[in-house]
Protein backbone atom coordinates (compact mmCIF):
# COMPACT_ATOMS: atom_id res chain seq x y z
CA MET A 1 -48.40 54.89 227.79
CA THR A 2 -51.84 56.31 228.54
CA SER A 3 -54.96 56.50 226.46
CA THR A 4 -58.03 58.69 226.59
CA THR A 5 -61.56 57.93 225.54
CA THR A 6 -64.13 60.49 224.55
CA THR A 7 -67.83 60.37 223.92
CA PRO A 8 -68.52 60.02 220.18
CA GLY A 9 -69.13 63.43 218.68
CA THR A 10 -67.52 65.21 221.64
CA PRO A 11 -64.12 66.84 221.03
CA PRO A 12 -61.43 65.97 223.58
CA ALA A 13 -61.15 68.51 226.37
CA ALA A 14 -58.13 70.78 226.40
CA PRO A 15 -55.65 70.20 229.24
CA ALA A 16 -56.66 72.15 232.34
CA ARG A 17 -54.50 75.09 233.31
CA TRP A 18 -54.29 75.29 237.07
CA ARG A 19 -53.21 78.19 239.24
CA PRO A 20 -50.85 77.71 242.20
CA PRO A 21 -52.72 77.24 245.51
CA LEU A 22 -51.62 80.61 246.91
CA ALA A 23 -52.81 82.34 243.74
CA VAL A 24 -56.19 80.62 244.01
CA LEU A 25 -56.59 81.66 247.65
CA ALA A 26 -55.46 85.20 246.85
CA GLY A 27 -58.03 85.31 244.07
CA ALA A 28 -60.69 84.14 246.51
CA VAL A 29 -59.77 86.99 248.87
CA VAL A 30 -59.77 89.66 246.16
CA LEU A 31 -62.93 88.47 244.41
CA GLY A 32 -64.75 87.80 247.66
CA LEU A 33 -64.07 91.16 249.26
CA GLY A 34 -64.40 92.98 245.95
CA TRP A 35 -67.75 91.54 244.92
CA GLY A 36 -69.11 91.85 248.45
CA ALA A 37 -68.19 95.55 248.54
CA ALA A 38 -69.46 96.11 244.99
CA THR A 39 -72.80 94.55 245.90
CA SER A 40 -73.35 97.20 248.57
CA TYR A 41 -72.87 99.97 246.00
CA LEU A 42 -74.81 98.25 243.23
CA GLN A 43 -77.87 97.89 245.44
CA THR A 44 -78.26 101.66 245.37
CA VAL A 45 -77.60 102.27 241.66
CA LEU A 46 -78.88 99.33 239.60
CA PRO A 47 -82.29 100.03 238.01
CA ASP A 48 -85.15 97.60 237.64
CA PRO A 49 -85.33 94.90 236.41
CA VAL A 50 -81.62 94.14 237.01
CA ALA A 51 -81.57 95.48 240.58
CA GLY A 52 -82.13 91.95 241.84
CA LEU A 53 -78.65 90.97 240.67
CA ALA A 54 -77.30 92.87 243.69
CA ASN A 55 -79.83 91.45 246.12
CA ALA A 56 -79.84 87.70 245.60
CA VAL A 57 -78.05 84.50 246.50
CA SER A 58 -77.08 83.15 243.08
CA PRO A 59 -74.76 86.02 242.00
CA TRP A 60 -72.70 85.48 245.14
CA LEU A 61 -72.32 81.78 244.35
CA VAL A 62 -70.64 82.55 241.04
CA VAL A 63 -67.48 83.70 242.83
CA PRO A 64 -66.77 80.40 244.64
CA PHE A 65 -67.56 78.56 241.40
CA VAL A 66 -64.95 80.63 239.56
CA VAL A 67 -62.20 80.12 242.14
CA GLY A 68 -63.08 76.44 242.42
CA ALA A 69 -62.69 76.08 238.67
CA ARG A 70 -59.09 77.30 238.96
CA SER A 71 -58.22 74.88 241.78
CA ARG A 72 -56.13 71.80 241.08
CA THR A 73 -57.64 69.69 243.89
CA ARG A 74 -61.07 69.30 245.42
CA GLY A 75 -59.75 70.26 248.83
CA LEU A 76 -58.37 73.53 247.51
CA ALA A 77 -61.63 74.22 245.65
CA VAL A 78 -63.66 73.70 248.83
CA ALA A 79 -61.33 75.92 250.88
CA ALA A 80 -61.23 78.67 248.25
CA GLY A 81 -65.01 78.58 247.84
CA LEU A 82 -65.49 78.87 251.59
CA LEU A 83 -63.04 81.77 251.81
CA ALA A 84 -64.65 83.60 248.89
CA CYS A 85 -68.19 83.33 250.22
CA VAL A 86 -67.37 84.33 253.80
CA LEU A 87 -65.35 87.31 252.57
CA GLN A 88 -68.22 88.40 250.33
CA VAL A 89 -70.33 88.67 253.48
CA ALA A 90 -67.53 90.55 255.26
CA GLY A 91 -66.94 92.88 252.31
CA TYR A 92 -70.63 93.62 251.89
CA TYR A 93 -71.39 94.44 255.51
CA ALA A 94 -68.13 96.33 256.11
CA THR A 95 -68.83 98.51 253.08
CA SER A 96 -72.46 99.02 254.08
CA HIS A 97 -71.35 100.08 257.57
CA LEU A 98 -68.82 102.55 256.16
CA ARG A 99 -71.56 103.98 253.95
CA GLY A 100 -73.71 104.67 256.99
CA PHE A 101 -76.17 101.80 256.76
CA GLY A 102 -77.15 99.91 259.90
CA VAL A 103 -75.64 96.45 260.25
CA SER A 104 -77.05 93.79 262.58
CA THR A 105 -74.58 91.33 264.08
CA GLY A 106 -77.22 88.62 263.92
CA THR A 107 -77.75 89.19 260.20
CA VAL A 108 -74.01 89.03 259.53
CA VAL A 109 -73.77 85.72 261.41
CA GLU A 110 -76.78 84.30 259.56
CA TRP A 111 -75.40 85.08 256.11
CA ALA A 112 -71.91 83.98 257.10
CA ALA A 113 -73.45 80.62 258.03
CA VAL A 114 -75.11 80.47 254.61
CA GLY A 115 -71.71 81.20 253.06
CA VAL A 116 -70.11 78.41 255.06
CA VAL A 117 -72.49 76.00 253.33
CA GLY A 118 -72.76 77.55 249.88
CA GLY A 119 -69.09 78.45 249.43
CA PRO A 120 -67.63 74.94 249.67
CA VAL A 121 -70.47 73.43 247.61
CA PHE A 122 -70.00 75.85 244.72
CA GLY A 123 -66.23 75.82 245.00
CA LEU A 124 -66.44 72.06 244.49
CA ALA A 125 -68.97 72.61 241.69
CA GLY A 126 -66.46 74.77 239.84
CA HIS A 127 -63.79 72.11 240.23
CA LEU A 128 -66.14 69.38 238.99
CA TRP A 129 -67.03 71.50 236.00
CA ARG A 130 -63.36 71.41 234.96
CA THR A 131 -62.51 67.84 235.94
CA ALA A 132 -65.51 65.53 236.33
CA THR A 133 -65.82 62.44 234.17
CA GLY A 134 -68.27 59.57 234.02
CA ARG A 135 -71.44 59.96 236.06
CA LEU A 136 -70.29 63.20 237.69
CA ARG A 137 -69.84 64.95 234.34
CA GLY A 138 -72.28 67.85 234.12
CA LEU A 139 -72.93 68.08 237.88
CA GLY A 140 -70.85 71.21 238.44
CA ALA A 141 -72.56 73.16 235.67
CA ALA A 142 -75.97 71.85 236.73
CA LEU A 143 -75.50 73.24 240.24
CA LEU A 144 -74.71 76.71 238.90
CA VAL A 145 -77.56 76.70 236.39
CA ALA A 146 -80.00 75.34 238.97
CA VAL A 147 -79.37 78.03 241.58
CA TRP A 148 -80.16 80.76 239.04
CA ALA A 149 -83.20 78.91 237.70
CA VAL A 150 -84.57 78.21 241.17
CA GLU A 151 -84.07 81.79 242.30
CA ALA A 152 -85.89 82.93 239.16
CA VAL A 153 -88.91 80.66 239.56
CA VAL A 154 -89.17 80.10 243.31
CA GLY A 155 -87.47 83.16 244.76
CA TYR A 156 -88.69 85.93 242.49
CA GLY A 157 -91.59 84.26 240.68
CA ILE A 158 -93.50 82.34 243.36
CA ARG A 159 -92.49 83.91 246.66
CA LEU A 160 -92.11 87.56 245.69
CA GLY A 161 -94.11 87.82 242.49
CA TYR A 162 -91.44 89.97 240.80
CA VAL A 163 -91.94 88.90 237.21
CA ASP A 164 -89.28 91.18 235.69
CA ASP A 165 -86.60 89.92 238.08
CA ALA A 166 -87.69 86.33 237.45
CA VAL A 167 -87.22 86.87 233.71
CA VAL A 168 -83.71 88.32 234.22
CA PHE A 169 -82.58 85.44 236.43
CA GLY A 170 -84.19 82.92 234.11
CA ALA A 171 -82.33 84.45 231.17
CA VAL A 172 -79.05 84.13 233.07
CA ALA A 173 -79.85 80.48 233.84
CA VAL A 174 -80.50 79.72 230.17
CA THR A 175 -77.32 81.54 229.13
CA LEU A 176 -75.28 79.54 231.64
CA LEU A 177 -76.86 76.30 230.44
CA LEU A 178 -75.93 77.03 226.82
CA THR A 179 -72.39 78.14 227.65
CA VAL A 180 -71.04 76.67 230.89
CA GLY A 181 -73.39 73.70 230.57
CA ARG A 182 -71.89 72.66 227.23
CA ARG A 183 -68.32 72.52 228.47
CA PRO A 184 -66.44 70.25 228.80
CA GLY A 185 -69.01 67.56 228.05
CA PRO A 186 -72.22 67.28 226.08
CA LEU A 187 -75.21 69.38 227.10
CA ARG A 188 -77.21 66.27 227.93
CA ALA A 189 -74.87 65.53 230.84
CA THR A 190 -75.78 68.85 232.45
CA ALA A 191 -79.47 68.39 231.60
CA ARG A 192 -79.47 65.00 233.30
CA TRP A 193 -78.16 66.47 236.54
CA LEU A 194 -80.63 69.36 236.39
CA ALA A 195 -83.37 66.81 237.06
CA VAL A 196 -81.77 66.41 240.50
CA THR A 197 -80.31 69.82 241.29
CA VAL A 198 -83.41 71.87 240.45
CA PRO A 199 -85.80 70.04 242.84
CA VAL A 200 -83.19 69.98 245.60
CA GLY A 201 -82.46 73.67 245.05
CA ALA A 202 -86.17 74.51 245.13
CA VAL A 203 -86.55 72.84 248.53
CA GLY A 204 -83.48 74.69 249.80
CA MET A 205 -84.81 78.03 248.55
CA LEU A 206 -88.17 77.45 250.24
CA LEU A 207 -86.46 76.56 253.52
CA LEU A 208 -83.91 79.40 253.50
CA ASP A 209 -86.06 82.20 254.92
CA PRO A 210 -87.71 80.04 257.64
CA LEU A 211 -84.28 78.81 258.72
CA LEU A 212 -82.87 82.33 258.86
CA SER A 213 -85.91 83.49 260.83
CA ALA A 214 -85.62 80.58 263.26
CA PHE A 215 -82.01 81.40 264.09
CA GLY A 216 -82.39 85.17 263.85
């Protein structure tokens, strides 16, 4: 016999529905290549102020989060997140090359390296969003909300001064907080982790360009 405990006032979470490992990895391939290719096209058609959605880090980190959320184990979530992010880079640059845009090998390597870090982290974040209990509850959602919030404030607001883009990304961050951040646990669990993930994300965002320049 087993028993479950829930936080008072919080309805018990529905049983998770997991996809088979091969289906998760196949989804990572399709979503990774598909969104990478779509990004190349969207960069030339999206109007302001939503054009930034096709020229930013945080939209690409949604894909590993999604495939991680469908993974039964943490190891599968990490692997699927890595695969999705690296294939987004491949899909984007392959499509851009076929469309006649110049592609630098160094730039591909740089962003693939970013994907090697971001993919596993956000694949795991998606898995934690579905499964975490105790102190880890809310961490997965907080990572996703934080990357959008940091890109809004630091990336577009402080560094670039693009107010319209900052507002769009900030609106996405708030929407994610009020939707993803409320499930499966109380909103305060996500808010608690935001006190950690936002400062760490801000430092990472400030260091990203110097690091890419140093290795470029």
